[in-house]
């Protein structure tokens, strides 16, 4: 439940996503879980610009989520 709380998701939803062989999370849920686990995600655009899609720390993710 702490992971779900940090990610701002329902605990049963997180449990299903982490245990189901057929889980198909939305991008939003996947990004929230990654941020809650401290996993950052960055993309490089064709022009070479780097864009942070998921902050690397849960604290940054909570700040970004509360600002949205």
C-alpha atoms as a PDB file:
ATOM      1  CA  UNK A   1       0.000   0.000   0.000  1.00  0.00           C
ATOM      2  CA  UNK A   2       2.876   2.505   0.531  1.00  0.00           C
ATOM      3  CA  UNK A   3       3.805   2.273  -3.166  1.00  0.00           C
ATOM      4  CA  UNK A   4       0.199   2.891  -4.171  1.00  0.00           C
ATOM      5  CA  UNK A   5      -0.008   5.839  -1.788  1.00  0.00           C
ATOM      6  CA  UNK A   6       3.164   7.421  -3.161  1.00  0.00           C
ATOM      7  CA  UNK A   7       1.957   6.858  -6.728  1.00  0.00           C
ATOM      8  CA  UNK A   8      -1.504   8.210  -5.914  1.00  0.00           C
ATOM      9  CA  UNK A   9      -3.160   5.003  -7.118  1.00  0.00           C
ATOM     10  CA  UNK A  10      -5.616   2.522  -5.653  1.00  0.00           C
ATOM     11  CA  UNK A  11      -3.762  -0.343  -3.864  1.00  0.00           C
ATOM     12  CA  UNK A  12      -5.787  -3.026  -5.668  1.00  0.00           C
ATOM     13  CA  UNK A  13      -4.910  -1.432  -9.007  1.00  0.00           C
ATOM     14  CA  UNK A  14      -1.190  -1.470  -8.195  1.00  0.00           C
ATOM     15  CA  UNK A  15      -1.368  -5.067  -6.972  1.00  0.00           C
ATOM     16  CA  UNK A  16      -3.081  -6.106 -10.206  1.00  0.00           C
ATOM     17  CA  UNK A  17      -0.512  -4.261 -12.326  1.00  0.00           C
ATOM     18  CA  UNK A  18       2.397  -5.890 -10.512  1.00  0.00           C
ATOM     19  CA  UNK A  19       1.037  -9.447 -10.406  1.00  0.00           C
ATOM     20  CA  UNK A  20      -1.125  -9.931 -13.498  1.00  0.00           C
ATOM     21  CA  UNK A  21       0.404 -11.536 -16.574  1.00  0.00           C
ATOM     22  CA  UNK A  22      -2.042  -9.570 -18.720  1.00  0.00           C
ATOM     23  CA  UNK A  23      -1.691  -6.165 -17.046  1.00  0.00           C
ATOM     24  CA  UNK A  24      -2.039  -3.321 -19.510  1.00  0.00           C
ATOM     25  CA  UNK A  25      -1.499  -0.096 -17.560  1.00  0.00           C
ATOM     26  CA  UNK A  26      -2.170   3.321 -18.995  1.00  0.00           C
ATOM     27  CA  UNK A  27       0.868   5.500 -19.593  1.00  0.00           C
ATOM     28  CA  UNK A  28      -0.193   7.664 -16.662  1.00  0.00           C
ATOM     29  CA  UNK A  29      -0.310   4.713 -14.242  1.00  0.00           C
ATOM     30  CA  UNK A  30       2.987   3.310 -15.523  1.00  0.00           C
ATOM     31  CA  UNK A  31       4.711   6.685 -15.160  1.00  0.00           C
ATOM     32  CA  UNK A  32       3.246   7.176 -11.656  1.00  0.00           C
ATOM     33  CA  UNK A  33       4.538   3.757 -10.563  1.00  0.00           C
ATOM     34  CA  UNK A  34       7.968   4.405 -12.061  1.00  0.00           C
ATOM     35  CA  UNK A  35       8.231   7.724 -10.241  1.00  0.00           C
ATOM     36  CA  UNK A  36       7.055   6.144  -6.968  1.00  0.00           C
ATOM     37  CA  UNK A  37       9.824   3.544  -7.284  1.00  0.00           C
ATOM     38  CA  UNK A  38      12.432   6.205  -8.012  1.00  0.00           C
ATOM     39  CA  UNK A  39      12.818   5.240 -11.673  1.00  0.00           C
ATOM     40  CA  UNK A  40      13.303   8.183 -14.007  1.00  0.00           C
ATOM     41  CA  UNK A  41      12.482   8.166 -17.698  1.00  0.00           C
ATOM     42  CA  UNK A  42      14.025  10.497 -20.206  1.00  0.00           C
ATOM     43  CA  UNK A  43      13.521  10.790 -23.969  1.00  0.00           C
ATOM     44  CA  UNK A  44      15.821  12.257 -26.584  1.00  0.00           C
ATOM     45  CA  UNK A  45      14.048  14.130 -29.347  1.00  0.00           C
ATOM     46  CA  UNK A  46      15.298  13.868 -32.955  1.00  0.00           C
ATOM     47  CA  UNK A  47      16.937  17.299 -32.633  1.00  0.00           C
ATOM     48  CA  UNK A  48      18.945  15.989 -29.652  1.00  0.00           C
ATOM     49  CA  UNK A  49      16.973  17.762 -26.925  1.00  0.00           C
ATOM     50  CA  UNK A  50      16.477  15.627 -23.821  1.00  0.00           C
ATOM     51  CA  UNK A  51      13.061  15.671 -22.153  1.00  0.00           C
ATOM     52  CA  UNK A  52      12.360  14.292 -18.672  1.00  0.00           C
ATOM     53  CA  UNK A  53       9.134  12.257 -18.824  1.00  0.00           C
ATOM     54  CA  UNK A  54       9.270  10.873 -15.286  1.00  0.00           C
ATOM     55  CA  UNK A  55      11.248  12.552 -12.485  1.00  0.00           C
ATOM     56  CA  UNK A  56      13.891  10.319 -10.928  1.00  0.00           C
ATOM     57  CA  UNK A  57      12.663  10.745  -7.359  1.00  0.00           C
ATOM     58  CA  UNK A  58       9.275  10.174  -5.706  1.00  0.00           C
ATOM     59  CA  UNK A  59       9.459  13.628  -4.087  1.00  0.00           C
ATOM     60  CA  UNK A  60       9.773  15.264  -7.519  1.00  0.00           C
ATOM     61  CA  UNK A  61       6.879  13.146  -8.792  1.00  0.00           C
ATOM     62  CA  UNK A  62       4.625  14.190  -5.892  1.00  0.00           C
ATOM     63  CA  UNK A  63       5.523  17.848  -6.494  1.00  0.00           C
ATOM     64  CA  UNK A  64       4.789  17.528 -10.222  1.00  0.00           C
ATOM     65  CA  UNK A  65       1.512  15.680  -9.564  1.00  0.00           C
ATOM     66  CA  UNK A  66       0.312  18.254  -7.055  1.00  0.00           C
ATOM     67  CA  UNK A  67       1.128  21.081  -9.477  1.00  0.00           C
ATOM     68  CA  UNK A  68      -0.920  19.497 -12.264  1.00  0.00           C
END
